[in-house]
């Protein structure tokens, strides 16, 4: 189903219309799927990674324990350098 919805998005169907009609998230569906701005690390890992690795204007999917999510990245804040640090 997610692939079909992404195809519709790419043909020009509005994200908010599809979110209102198809989303199981009662909170965000009512506002067209808009989650607003949120900081990195606030969402579950697969969703977070999809949001923060996608480019502005891109549609991506993420599968979490809550289901499959279609994400449209509307805007991004300034990129910052990140480091992965491990302690042994």
Protein backbone atom coordinates (compact mmCIF):
# COMPACT_ATOMS: atom_id res chain seq x y z
CA UNK A 1 0.00 0.00 0.00
CA UNK A 2 2.85 2.40 0.83
CA UNK A 3 4.32 1.96 -2.66
CA UNK A 4 0.95 2.76 -4.23
CA UNK A 5 0.58 5.89 -2.11
CA UNK A 6 4.09 7.06 -3.02
CA UNK A 7 3.24 6.58 -6.69
CA UNK A 8 0.19 8.81 -6.18
CA UNK A 9 2.34 11.42 -4.43
CA UNK A 10 4.80 11.45 -7.32
CA UNK A 11 1.93 12.07 -9.76
CA UNK A 12 0.91 15.18 -7.85
CA UNK A 13 -1.69 14.01 -5.33
CA UNK A 14 -1.40 16.10 -2.18
CA UNK A 15 0.35 14.49 0.80
CA UNK A 16 -2.11 15.98 3.28
CA UNK A 17 -5.12 14.62 1.38
CA UNK A 18 -3.61 11.12 1.29
CA UNK A 19 -2.65 11.32 4.97
CA UNK A 20 -6.16 12.34 6.01
CA UNK A 21 -7.69 9.52 3.97
CA UNK A 22 -5.21 6.71 4.71
CA UNK A 23 -3.32 7.32 7.95
CA UNK A 24 -4.01 5.21 11.05
CA UNK A 25 -2.47 7.93 13.25
CA UNK A 26 -5.51 9.80 14.51
CA UNK A 27 -3.42 12.71 15.73
CA UNK A 28 -1.39 13.57 12.65
CA UNK A 29 -3.97 12.41 10.08
CA UNK A 30 -6.30 15.24 11.11
CA UNK A 31 -3.64 17.79 10.20
CA UNK A 32 -2.60 16.16 6.94
CA UNK A 33 0.20 14.10 8.47
CA UNK A 34 2.18 17.16 9.57
CA UNK A 35 4.37 16.40 12.60
CA UNK A 36 5.94 19.84 12.70
CA UNK A 37 9.58 20.39 13.62
CA UNK A 38 11.21 17.88 15.95
CA UNK A 39 14.80 17.36 17.07
CA UNK A 40 16.90 14.41 16.02
CA UNK A 41 16.56 11.52 18.45
CA UNK A 42 12.97 12.31 19.46
CA UNK A 43 11.33 9.61 17.30
CA UNK A 44 11.86 5.84 17.21
CA UNK A 45 15.14 4.94 15.50
CA UNK A 46 13.95 3.77 12.04
CA UNK A 47 11.63 6.79 11.71
CA UNK A 48 14.31 9.16 13.02
CA UNK A 49 16.95 7.79 10.64
CA UNK A 50 14.62 8.04 7.63
CA UNK A 51 13.78 11.66 8.46
CA UNK A 52 17.33 12.82 9.09
CA UNK A 53 19.02 11.02 6.20
CA UNK A 54 16.47 11.95 3.53
CA UNK A 55 16.89 15.03 1.39
CA UNK A 56 14.50 17.96 1.38
CA UNK A 57 11.57 17.20 -0.94
CA UNK A 58 12.14 13.45 -0.87
CA UNK A 59 9.56 10.79 -0.02
CA UNK A 60 10.89 7.93 2.10
CA UNK A 61 9.38 5.03 4.00
CA UNK A 62 10.23 3.70 7.43
CA UNK A 63 8.98 0.54 9.11
CA UNK A 64 8.66 0.70 12.89
CA UNK A 65 6.79 -1.24 15.55
CA UNK A 66 3.93 1.23 14.91
CA UNK A 67 3.65 0.34 11.21
CA UNK A 68 4.89 1.58 7.87
CA UNK A 69 5.33 5.33 7.55
CA UNK A 70 5.53 7.47 4.44
CA UNK A 71 7.58 10.57 5.14
CA UNK A 72 7.80 13.73 3.07
CA UNK A 73 10.70 15.92 4.13
CA UNK A 74 9.46 19.48 3.74
CA UNK A 75 12.45 21.31 5.16
CA UNK A 76 15.62 20.67 7.14
CA UNK A 77 17.61 22.72 9.56
CA UNK A 78 21.32 23.37 9.07
CA UNK A 79 23.39 20.19 8.83
CA UNK A 80 25.73 19.52 11.69
CA UNK A 81 28.71 17.20 11.89
CA UNK A 82 28.01 14.07 13.92
CA UNK A 83 30.33 11.47 15.34
CA UNK A 84 29.63 7.90 16.44
CA UNK A 85 31.58 7.19 19.59
CA UNK A 86 31.92 3.80 21.20
CA UNK A 87 33.37 2.99 24.57
CA UNK A 88 34.84 -0.44 25.19
